[in-house]
Protein backbone atom coordinates (compact mmCIF):
# COMPACT_ATOMS: atom_id res chain seq x y z
CA MET A 1 -6.27 -17.99 10.95
CA ASP A 2 -6.96 -21.30 12.65
CA ALA A 3 -5.83 -24.55 11.07
CA PRO A 4 -8.75 -26.27 9.35
CA ALA A 5 -10.40 -29.37 10.75
CA HIS A 6 -9.41 -32.37 8.62
CA ILE A 7 -11.36 -35.38 7.37
CA GLY A 8 -8.65 -37.90 6.50
CA PRO A 9 -8.47 -40.19 3.48
CA SER A 10 -9.70 -43.27 5.36
CA ILE A 11 -12.87 -41.53 6.64
CA HIS A 12 -16.23 -42.05 4.90
CA ILE A 13 -19.22 -39.96 6.00
CA LYS A 14 -22.84 -40.30 4.87
CA GLY A 15 -25.14 -37.52 5.97
CA HIS A 16 -25.20 -33.81 6.76
CA VAL A 17 -21.91 -32.13 7.64
CA SER A 18 -21.85 -28.63 9.13
CA SER A 19 -18.89 -26.76 10.49
CA ALA A 20 -18.22 -23.52 12.36
CA GLU A 21 -14.55 -23.61 11.34
CA PRO A 22 -12.55 -24.17 8.14
CA LEU A 23 -12.66 -27.77 6.91
CA SER A 24 -10.38 -29.87 4.69
CA ILE A 25 -11.67 -33.10 3.14
CA ALA A 26 -9.29 -35.83 1.97
CA GLY A 27 -11.82 -38.62 2.55
CA HIS A 28 -15.30 -39.35 1.20
CA ILE A 29 -18.53 -37.52 1.99
CA ASP A 30 -21.97 -38.39 0.64
CA GLY A 31 -24.75 -36.03 1.74
CA LYS A 32 -24.81 -32.27 2.32
CA ILE A 33 -22.17 -29.80 3.52
CA GLU A 34 -23.04 -26.41 5.06
CA MET A 35 -20.54 -23.93 6.44
CA SER A 36 -21.54 -20.53 5.10
CA ASP A 37 -19.03 -18.48 7.14
CA HIS A 38 -15.91 -20.61 6.54
CA ALA A 39 -13.71 -22.17 3.87
CA LEU A 40 -14.01 -25.72 2.59
CA THR A 41 -11.17 -27.48 0.79
CA VAL A 42 -11.56 -30.78 -1.05
CA THR A 43 -8.02 -32.10 -1.50
CA ALA A 44 -6.78 -33.95 -4.59
CA GLY A 45 -7.72 -37.29 -3.03
CA GLY A 46 -11.06 -36.15 -1.63
CA ARG A 47 -14.36 -37.47 -3.03
CA VAL A 48 -17.59 -35.60 -2.32
CA LYS A 49 -21.15 -36.31 -3.46
CA ALA A 50 -23.00 -33.42 -1.86
CA ASP A 51 -24.47 -29.99 -2.33
CA ILE A 52 -21.99 -27.58 -0.74
CA THR A 53 -22.55 -24.14 0.77
CA ALA A 54 -19.49 -22.32 2.15
CA HIS A 55 -17.86 -18.90 2.23
CA THR A 56 -14.99 -20.13 0.04
CA ILE A 57 -14.73 -23.49 -1.74
CA VAL A 58 -11.43 -24.90 -3.05
CA VAL A 59 -11.69 -28.10 -5.09
CA GLY A 60 -8.72 -30.30 -5.91
CA GLY A 61 -10.53 -33.63 -5.87
CA SER A 62 -13.82 -35.00 -7.16
CA VAL A 63 -17.16 -33.32 -6.42
CA GLN A 64 -20.67 -34.21 -7.58
CA GLY A 65 -23.32 -31.68 -6.58
CA LYS A 66 -24.15 -27.99 -6.52
CA LEU A 67 -21.51 -25.64 -5.12
CA HIS A 68 -22.52 -22.24 -3.76
CA ALA A 69 -19.92 -19.92 -2.23
CA GLY A 70 -20.49 -16.53 -0.63
CA ALA A 71 -17.07 -15.24 -1.77
CA ARG A 72 -15.32 -17.50 -4.30
CA ILE A 73 -14.81 -20.95 -5.76
CA VAL A 74 -11.31 -22.07 -6.76
CA VAL A 75 -11.07 -25.11 -9.04
CA ARG A 76 -7.58 -26.61 -9.09
CA GLU A 77 -6.03 -28.46 -12.05
CA THR A 78 -6.63 -31.84 -10.37
CA ALA A 79 -10.36 -31.23 -9.86
CA THR A 80 -13.26 -33.05 -11.45
CA ILE A 81 -16.68 -31.48 -10.87
CA GLU A 82 -20.12 -32.61 -12.00
CA GLY A 83 -22.55 -29.91 -10.93
CA ASP A 84 -23.38 -26.24 -10.99
CA LEU A 85 -21.12 -23.54 -9.51
CA SER A 86 -22.40 -20.25 -8.11
CA ALA A 87 -20.25 -17.52 -6.51
CA PRO A 88 -19.29 -13.87 -6.97
CA ALA A 89 -15.85 -15.04 -8.23
CA ILE A 90 -14.81 -18.38 -9.77
CA SER A 91 -11.36 -19.42 -10.97
CA LEU A 92 -10.82 -22.52 -13.09
CA ALA A 93 -7.30 -23.89 -13.57
CA ASP A 94 -6.06 -25.45 -16.81
CA GLY A 95 -6.55 -29.21 -16.64
CA ALA A 96 -9.63 -29.14 -14.41
CA THR A 97 -12.76 -30.97 -15.57
CA LEU A 98 -16.14 -29.32 -15.12
CA HIS A 99 -19.57 -30.51 -16.29
CA GLY A 100 -22.27 -28.06 -15.26
CA LYS A 101 -23.28 -24.42 -15.23
CA VAL A 102 -21.21 -21.55 -13.88
CA GLU A 103 -22.84 -18.42 -12.44
CA THR A 104 -20.68 -15.53 -11.26
CA GLY A 105 -21.23 -12.04 -9.95
CA ALA A 106 -24.06 -10.53 -8.02
CA ARG A 107 -27.36 -10.48 -9.81
CA VAL A 108 -28.71 -7.06 -10.53
CA ALA A 109 -32.43 -6.80 -11.04
CA LYS A 110 -33.29 -5.18 -14.32
CA PRO A 111 -35.59 -2.18 -14.01
CA ALA A 112 -39.06 -2.77 -15.34
CA ALA A 113 -39.46 -1.55 -18.88
CA LYS A 114 -41.53 1.58 -19.15
CA VAL A 115 -44.52 1.27 -21.39
CA ALA A 116 -45.55 4.47 -23.10
CA THR A 117 -49.24 5.14 -22.90
CA ARG A 118 -51.35 7.86 -24.37
CA ASP A 119 -54.99 8.66 -24.68
CA VAL A 120 -56.42 8.05 -28.11
CA GLU A 121 -59.76 9.36 -29.30
CA THR A 122 -61.53 7.62 -32.10
CA SER A 123 -64.71 8.54 -33.81
CA ALA A 124 -66.92 6.54 -36.08
CA ALA A 125 -67.96 8.39 -39.18
């Protein structure tokens, strides 16, 4: 596996970030992050205010926004998250702080309920 691209602690980005390779964030990002086929790591010093879409998301720092992963989300003990998490698998370490909703697993559509019908004859007397 290739080494991830790195956004260092002194870097501040405002706007849309997309990547076609793994990415590690130790700096600050305010905007939107999209990298559906790769892993994103927010290190313990990283600060992100963005909706995130990635194959795998690992959070060790601070994130505000919705997180959606195609495979999994890993929340480390140093993480603070304000936002909703959605992925087939989510792990939350002791000590992590999370304010939001968690949705795991693939949704399975429920079959429509069958309604029994029958012909009824009535007669007025």
